[in-house]
Each structure stands twice: as C-alpha cells, then as structure tokens.
Protein backbone atom coordinates (compact mmCIF):
# COMPACT_ATOMS: atom_id res chain seq x y z
CA MET A 1 202.82 -107.48 143.89
CA LYS A 2 202.92 -107.97 140.13
CA LYS A 3 204.97 -111.05 139.33
CA SER A 4 206.45 -111.27 135.84
CA ILE A 5 207.25 -114.08 133.47
CA LEU A 6 210.85 -115.22 133.73
CA GLU A 7 212.61 -113.53 130.81
CA PRO A 8 215.76 -111.53 130.00
CA LEU A 9 215.33 -107.78 130.43
CA ILE A 10 216.96 -105.12 128.27
CA LEU A 11 217.59 -102.13 130.53
CA LYS A 12 217.53 -98.42 129.69
CA PRO A 13 220.09 -96.51 131.77
CA ALA A 14 219.85 -93.57 134.13
CA GLY A 15 222.29 -90.78 133.25
CA LYS A 16 224.45 -88.36 135.24
CA GLY A 17 225.57 -85.03 133.81
CA TYR A 18 228.55 -84.25 136.03
CA LEU A 19 230.74 -81.37 134.88
CA TRP A 20 233.69 -83.63 134.01
CA GLY A 21 231.73 -85.77 131.50
CA GLY A 22 231.84 -85.90 127.70
CA GLU A 23 229.77 -87.14 124.75
CA ARG A 24 231.33 -90.52 123.92
CA LEU A 25 228.74 -92.60 125.74
CA LYS A 26 226.13 -91.23 123.34
CA THR A 27 228.16 -91.21 120.13
CA GLU A 28 230.01 -94.53 120.62
CA TYR A 29 227.91 -96.58 123.04
CA GLY A 30 224.37 -95.72 122.03
CA GLN A 31 223.34 -94.25 125.38
CA ASP A 32 220.19 -92.39 124.30
CA LEU A 33 220.02 -89.84 127.10
CA ASP A 34 219.22 -86.14 126.78
CA ILE A 35 222.07 -85.05 129.06
CA SER A 36 225.11 -83.01 128.10
CA PRO A 37 227.80 -83.60 129.09
CA LEU A 38 227.02 -87.23 129.87
CA ALA A 39 229.46 -88.40 132.53
CA GLU A 40 227.91 -91.66 133.70
CA SER A 41 225.34 -94.09 132.36
CA TRP A 42 223.96 -96.35 135.11
CA VAL A 43 223.15 -99.28 132.87
CA CYS A 44 222.09 -101.68 135.64
CA SER A 45 220.89 -99.97 138.79
CA VAL A 46 218.15 -100.15 141.41
CA HIS A 47 219.75 -97.35 143.46
CA PRO A 48 217.26 -94.57 144.28
CA ASN A 49 219.71 -91.93 143.00
CA GLY A 50 219.44 -93.37 139.48
CA GLN A 51 217.35 -96.39 138.53
CA SER A 52 217.45 -98.21 135.23
CA ILE A 53 214.16 -98.71 133.38
CA VAL A 54 213.02 -101.91 131.71
CA ALA A 55 213.04 -101.20 127.97
CA ASP A 56 210.91 -104.01 126.57
CA GLY A 57 208.79 -107.06 127.37
CA GLN A 58 205.83 -107.21 129.72
CA SER A 59 207.57 -104.89 132.24
CA ALA A 60 208.48 -102.22 129.66
CA GLY A 61 208.55 -98.71 131.10
CA ARG A 62 208.76 -99.79 134.73
CA LEU A 63 211.59 -98.91 137.11
CA PHE A 64 213.96 -101.83 137.36
CA GLY A 65 213.92 -101.63 141.17
CA ASP A 66 210.12 -101.97 141.25
CA VAL A 67 210.27 -105.03 139.01
CA MET A 68 212.86 -106.61 141.31
CA LYS A 69 210.75 -105.89 144.41
CA ASP A 70 207.85 -107.70 142.76
CA ASN A 71 210.09 -110.65 141.80
CA PRO A 72 212.56 -111.22 144.68
CA ALA A 73 213.31 -114.77 143.51
CA TRP A 74 215.05 -113.24 140.49
CA LEU A 75 217.96 -112.27 142.77
CA GLY A 76 218.78 -115.89 143.49
CA THR A 77 219.51 -117.61 146.75
CA LYS A 78 222.72 -115.70 147.54
CA SER A 79 221.26 -112.19 147.95
CA SER A 80 218.39 -110.60 149.83
CA ASP A 81 218.63 -107.27 147.99
CA PHE A 82 220.15 -106.13 144.70
CA PRO A 83 223.89 -106.00 145.45
CA ILE A 84 225.55 -104.25 142.49
CA LEU A 85 225.52 -101.21 140.23
CA VAL A 86 227.04 -101.25 136.73
CA LYS A 87 228.10 -98.00 135.03
CA LEU A 88 229.69 -96.68 131.87
CA ILE A 89 231.91 -93.68 132.69
CA ASP A 90 233.28 -91.06 130.28
CA ALA A 91 235.91 -88.91 131.99
CA ALA A 92 236.53 -86.11 129.51
CA LYS A 93 238.10 -84.21 132.43
CA ASP A 94 239.60 -85.26 135.76
CA LEU A 95 237.24 -86.55 138.44
CA SER A 96 237.61 -85.28 141.99
CA ILE A 97 240.20 -86.93 144.23
CA GLN A 98 238.04 -89.09 146.48
CA VAL A 99 237.59 -92.11 148.71
CA HIS A 100 234.76 -94.53 149.53
CA PRO A 101 233.94 -96.05 152.93
CA ASP A 102 233.66 -99.77 153.64
CA ASP A 103 230.41 -101.51 154.57
CA GLU A 104 230.98 -101.29 158.32
CA TYR A 105 231.50 -97.51 158.35
CA ALA A 106 228.81 -96.82 155.75
CA LEU A 107 226.15 -98.83 157.57
CA ALA A 108 226.99 -97.23 160.91
CA HIS A 109 227.18 -93.61 159.71
CA GLU A 110 225.32 -93.38 156.38
CA HIS A 111 222.73 -96.22 156.55
CA SER A 112 224.13 -97.44 153.24
CA LYS A 113 226.43 -100.03 151.79
CA GLY A 114 230.06 -99.14 151.33
CA LYS A 115 231.70 -99.10 147.94
CA THR A 116 234.13 -101.58 146.49
CA GLU A 117 234.52 -100.97 142.76
CA PHE A 118 236.17 -102.56 139.74
CA TRP A 119 237.26 -100.65 136.63
CA TYR A 120 237.70 -102.10 133.15
CA VAL A 121 239.21 -99.55 130.76
CA LEU A 122 237.39 -99.38 127.42
CA ASP A 123 239.63 -96.69 125.95
CA ALA A 124 242.32 -94.26 127.05
CA GLU A 125 243.93 -91.34 125.29
CA GLU A 126 247.69 -91.29 124.92
CA GLY A 127 249.23 -90.27 128.25
CA ALA A 128 246.03 -90.88 130.23
CA GLU A 129 246.34 -91.90 133.86
CA LEU A 130 244.53 -92.77 137.06
CA ILE A 131 245.22 -91.75 140.64
CA TYR A 132 245.48 -94.77 142.93
CA GLY A 133 246.68 -94.53 146.55
CA PHE A 134 249.20 -92.40 148.43
CA GLU A 135 252.85 -92.36 147.42
CA HIS A 136 254.01 -91.15 150.85
CA PRO A 137 252.83 -91.84 154.43
CA MET A 138 250.09 -89.40 155.40
CA ASP A 139 248.21 -88.21 158.46
CA ALA A 140 245.29 -85.80 158.84
CA ASP A 141 247.47 -82.71 159.40
CA ARG A 142 249.78 -83.44 156.49
CA LEU A 143 246.80 -84.17 154.27
CA ARG A 144 245.10 -80.88 155.17
CA ILE A 145 248.27 -78.91 154.44
CA ALA A 146 248.68 -80.66 151.08
CA ILE A 147 245.09 -79.84 150.10
CA ASP A 148 245.23 -76.22 151.25
CA SER A 149 248.54 -75.62 149.44
CA GLY A 150 247.36 -77.29 146.23
CA ARG A 151 250.03 -80.01 146.51
CA LEU A 152 247.81 -83.03 147.14
CA GLU A 153 248.52 -84.49 143.70
CA ASP A 154 252.24 -84.62 144.55
CA MET A 155 251.41 -87.08 147.35
CA LEU A 156 249.55 -89.54 145.12
CA HIS A 157 250.38 -92.40 142.78
CA HIS A 158 249.75 -91.40 139.16
CA VAL A 159 249.28 -94.63 137.21
CA PRO A 160 249.50 -94.75 133.38
CA VAL A 161 246.42 -96.42 131.93
CA HIS A 162 245.72 -98.18 128.64
CA LYS A 163 242.81 -99.82 126.90
CA GLY A 164 242.06 -103.20 128.50
CA ASP A 165 243.59 -102.37 131.89
CA MET A 166 241.68 -103.30 135.02
CA PHE A 167 241.75 -102.14 138.63
CA LEU A 168 240.03 -103.23 141.83
CA VAL A 169 239.56 -100.19 144.07
CA LYS A 170 239.00 -101.19 147.67
CA PRO A 171 237.30 -98.92 150.24
CA GLY A 172 239.74 -96.53 151.90
CA THR A 173 241.90 -96.14 148.78
CA VAL A 174 242.27 -92.54 147.62
CA HIS A 175 241.69 -92.47 143.86
CA ALA A 176 240.48 -90.58 140.80
CA ILE A 177 239.78 -91.29 137.14
CA CYS A 178 241.61 -88.69 135.08
CA GLY A 179 240.67 -87.06 131.80
CA GLY A 180 240.73 -89.09 128.61
CA VAL A 181 239.60 -92.40 130.17
CA LEU A 182 236.46 -94.33 129.22
CA LEU A 183 235.61 -97.33 131.40
CA VAL A 184 233.09 -99.75 132.84
CA GLU A 185 232.63 -99.68 136.60
CA VAL A 186 231.12 -102.59 138.52
CA GLN A 187 230.53 -101.75 142.17
CA GLU A 188 228.45 -102.35 145.23
CA SER A 189 225.02 -100.70 145.01
CA SER A 190 226.09 -97.49 146.73
CA ASP A 191 226.45 -93.81 145.87
CA LEU A 192 228.75 -92.81 148.73
CA THR A 193 231.73 -90.66 147.73
CA TYR A 194 233.84 -88.46 150.01
CA ARG A 195 235.63 -85.81 147.95
CA LEU A 196 238.99 -84.52 149.17
CA TYR A 197 239.84 -82.15 146.33
CA ASP A 198 238.05 -80.93 143.20
CA TYR A 199 240.58 -78.52 141.64
CA ASP A 200 238.51 -75.50 142.85
CA ARG A 201 236.10 -76.07 139.95
CA THR A 202 232.69 -74.45 139.78
CA ASP A 203 229.48 -75.58 138.09
CA LYS A 204 227.48 -73.54 135.57
CA ASP A 205 226.04 -71.49 138.44
CA GLY A 206 229.47 -70.68 139.89
CA ASN A 207 229.16 -73.07 142.83
CA LYS A 208 231.96 -75.33 144.03
CA ARG A 209 231.12 -78.94 144.80
CA GLU A 210 231.00 -80.02 148.43
CA LEU A 211 234.12 -81.56 149.94
CA HIS A 212 234.09 -84.11 152.76
CA PHE A 213 237.46 -83.89 154.52
CA ASP A 214 236.24 -84.80 158.00
CA LYS A 215 234.46 -87.93 156.78
CA ALA A 216 237.25 -88.87 154.40
CA ILE A 217 239.94 -88.98 157.08
CA GLN A 218 237.80 -91.44 159.05
CA VAL A 219 237.98 -94.01 156.24
CA LEU A 220 241.22 -93.27 154.36
CA ASP A 221 244.09 -95.73 154.32
CA MET A 222 246.93 -93.28 154.99
CA ASN A 223 249.68 -95.78 154.21
CA PRO A 224 251.56 -95.62 150.92
CA VAL A 225 250.63 -98.31 148.41
CA ARG A 226 252.56 -99.97 145.64
CA GLU A 227 251.58 -98.95 142.16
CA PRO A 228 248.90 -101.44 141.07
CA LYS A 229 250.15 -103.96 138.53
CA GLN A 230 248.04 -105.54 135.85
CA PRO A 231 247.27 -109.19 136.68
CA GLN A 232 248.52 -111.99 134.50
CA ARG A 233 245.91 -112.64 131.82
CA MET A 234 244.47 -116.12 131.39
CA VAL A 235 242.22 -116.46 128.35
CA ARG A 236 240.45 -119.77 127.73
CA TYR A 237 239.54 -120.53 124.14
CA TYR A 238 236.47 -122.50 123.11
CA TYR A 239 234.72 -123.14 119.84
CA GLY A 240 232.94 -119.88 119.08
CA CYS A 241 234.31 -117.73 121.92
CA ALA A 242 237.18 -116.83 124.25
CA ARG A 243 236.56 -116.26 127.96
CA GLU A 244 238.59 -114.53 130.67
CA ILE A 245 237.87 -113.82 134.34
CA LEU A 246 238.76 -110.16 134.94
CA CYS A 247 237.81 -109.82 138.60
CA ARG A 248 236.59 -112.04 141.40
CA CYS A 249 235.89 -110.51 144.80
CA VAL A 250 233.46 -111.11 147.66
CA TYR A 251 230.80 -108.93 145.99
CA PHE A 252 230.89 -109.93 142.31
CA GLU A 253 232.68 -111.71 139.49
CA VAL A 254 233.36 -110.08 136.12
CA GLU A 255 234.15 -112.11 133.01
CA ARG A 256 235.00 -110.90 129.51
CA ILE A 257 233.68 -113.01 126.64
CA GLN A 258 234.74 -112.45 123.03
CA VAL A 259 232.14 -114.11 120.83
CA THR A 260 233.08 -115.07 117.27
CA LYS A 261 230.25 -117.50 116.55
CA GLY A 262 228.35 -118.20 119.74
CA PHE A 263 228.51 -119.51 123.28
CA SER A 264 226.13 -121.11 125.77
CA PHE A 265 225.87 -120.79 129.54
CA SER A 266 223.33 -121.35 132.30
CA VAL A 267 221.77 -118.96 134.81
CA LEU A 268 221.13 -121.04 137.92
CA ASP A 269 218.91 -120.43 140.94
CA THR A 270 221.86 -119.18 143.00
CA SER A 271 222.27 -115.79 141.30
CA PHE A 272 221.14 -113.48 138.53
CA GLN A 273 223.62 -112.43 135.84
CA VAL A 274 224.17 -109.24 133.83
CA LEU A 275 225.48 -108.96 130.27
CA LEU A 276 226.96 -105.69 129.00
CA CYS A 277 227.92 -105.48 125.32
CA ILE A 278 231.08 -103.40 124.94
CA ASP A 279 231.67 -104.08 121.24
CA GLY A 280 229.82 -105.53 118.26
CA SER A 281 226.25 -106.85 118.33
CA GLY A 282 224.35 -110.09 118.61
CA GLY A 283 221.34 -111.92 119.92
CA LEU A 284 220.43 -113.82 123.09
CA GLU A 285 218.31 -116.96 122.95
CA THR A 286 216.80 -118.90 125.87
CA ASP A 287 214.76 -122.09 126.04
CA GLU A 288 211.62 -119.97 126.50
CA THR A 289 212.12 -117.41 123.72
CA ASN A 290 210.85 -117.80 120.18
CA ARG A 291 213.37 -115.36 118.68
CA PRO A 292 216.72 -113.92 119.74
CA LEU A 293 216.71 -110.82 121.92
CA ARG A 294 218.83 -108.40 119.88
CA PHE A 295 221.52 -106.28 121.48
CA GLU A 296 224.28 -103.93 120.34
CA LYS A 297 227.26 -102.02 121.68
CA GLY A 298 226.19 -100.35 124.94
CA SER A 299 223.23 -102.68 125.58
CA CYS A 300 222.76 -104.13 129.06
CA ILE A 301 220.70 -107.28 129.72
CA PHE A 302 219.54 -108.56 133.12
CA LEU A 303 219.16 -112.34 133.37
CA PRO A 304 217.00 -113.48 136.31
CA ALA A 305 218.13 -116.35 138.52
CA SER A 306 216.77 -119.73 137.38
CA LEU A 307 216.45 -118.51 133.78
CA GLY A 308 218.26 -121.66 132.67
CA ARG A 309 220.15 -122.25 129.45
CA CYS A 310 221.12 -119.19 127.38
CA HIS A 311 222.87 -118.94 124.02
CA VAL A 312 224.55 -115.87 122.53
CA ILE A 313 224.99 -115.54 118.78
CA GLY A 314 226.83 -112.90 116.75
CA GLU A 315 230.21 -111.21 116.82
CA CYS A 316 230.61 -109.18 120.00
CA THR A 317 232.51 -108.63 123.22
CA LEU A 318 230.55 -108.97 126.45
CA LEU A 319 231.20 -108.38 130.12
CA LYS A 320 229.27 -110.91 132.19
CA VAL A 321 228.68 -110.07 135.86
CA ARG A 322 227.35 -112.38 138.54
CA CYS A 323 227.26 -112.35 142.33
C-alpha cells in the first residue's frame, strides 16, 4: 500500500463515446478526450467501467480507484467504499428510454449497487425535454405492446427542461435525457441501465444496442407519476459568494456555490468532498498548500476527508458534492 500526502486531487476524466453524444464537453468544458462523439465525461469515478486518473501531485498518472484503495481514510467515517460517480453528459440526440434498479435488486441479481441519480441542467436548447415516468397506468403486457407498436413515447411524461433545472431520478422511474440537453449527473457508483427502447438505432457497424425488457419489468414503477416540479429555490448570500442546496438524499448532497470573491469551508473527517467547476475559473488554497491549485470550467477536484480548512478564490460557479 502506497499512502499519499493529504492533498486536493485534480482528476482527469474517463470518456464514453455513445452514439447519442456530441462535442460540447470538449469545446465548452475542456474535456481533453480523444473520443468523438463524446457523450459522457466521468469526472469523478472509481467504477471499473471508467476510472478517473489523478492529473497532478505525487499520485499523478495513477487510477483514482487505486489511490483510494491505498488511502481508505480519505473516504471519511461514513463510507467503506467510494459511493458516488459524477458525470458531465452531452445529449446531442435522445438517450434510450431506460430504468435503473434499486440497491436491493441490484445487489441480489447484479452484484452491484443500484442507481439513484440527480441531474442539474447546464444548458438546454429551445424546446428541449426529458422523459420522466409513465403518464398512464402500465403493466407488462401493455408495455410490451406499446414498445412493439412504436407507441411507448405516448405513454410517458415529456417534461420541458431549461437551464438550471434539477431532477432527482429514483430507481424504478422510467426516464430519458432527450436531445439538446447538457447536464451534470451525480449518482451512486453504478453502471446498471436496463434499456426498454432505443428507437431502432444502429451503431457504426449496423448493430442495435441490447434491450433489457425482462429485467426492466422487474424493477419498473408501473404507476403514473405527476410531472416533476422544480423545487422552491433558497439561495443564501454571504460576503464573496452565494450558496444553494440543490439536492439532499440518502446517498449525497449537492450544493451550488457562485463565487464572486471567495469562500471558505472545511472538509471534516466524516466525508470527502468533490468540487466541479461549471463556469469561470479560480484557485483552491488549503492550510498545507503554498500556492493555489488552479482550476477552470470543467475541472473536478477531489478533497480527502480530514483535509481541513479550504478557501476558494476567483470568479466561478461550483457544484460541491459530499456524502
């Protein structure tokens, strides 16, 4: 085991080139990945299907998951393994209509965590939408008929989406991100997706993607849901910044921080924290650093538990995640 000095880590993402992706993560968010189209950038991940890499410091070049295995205390006292995955997603085209299992089903059948996810919309084209839940009561037979006849979309809630919107997607909820939406996704550390419908698309080799109807019907909530409403916003203003809790669930908390001059916070022994810069640029100082750690739009920084006092300078907008 190679223990490391307690320090913030800039992470280099793993990329996914799914057929529905675009180029905005590279052109607008500095994701330096040789993948086209670039659909997803896994900016903070220890998942074996796509691990981030430490970009600088004494652990530069190492897989983030290996560094965490060597330094388990960096998780904090609340977690025994790394619990989350943070992504940037560019949906130039519609994603498949899909569902994720909960922890109980996933552990029993897939030897994996389930997938609760939170979306924060960075940008949305005029008329863009998401699919979120069934509009009508469903059962397995009715669902199969709707898929086979190409009428599944008529059974679903189509939700208009705008920049700054946010959605918590619980396991069992049928959903899809549609074309023209750019967002941040914070989720459990899982890569389990059961696809119901993929518009009969084929990849560059002419192959259709696998569907998972039989598994999906085991985990789907077949009841109709109300169209999700945006929560009432509560922004707290301080000298040098404005802060707003976007999401708080059993798995993680997400806060948006708009920095105009600077703000300070502490990383305690209970949990690590993650900073994702979604606009602007700045620097991060700690009690142990001699100079600010510079970051820009698209940068992701891991802050180990017990790091102590941190101070952000610059003009930027950050998402701060902790568990």
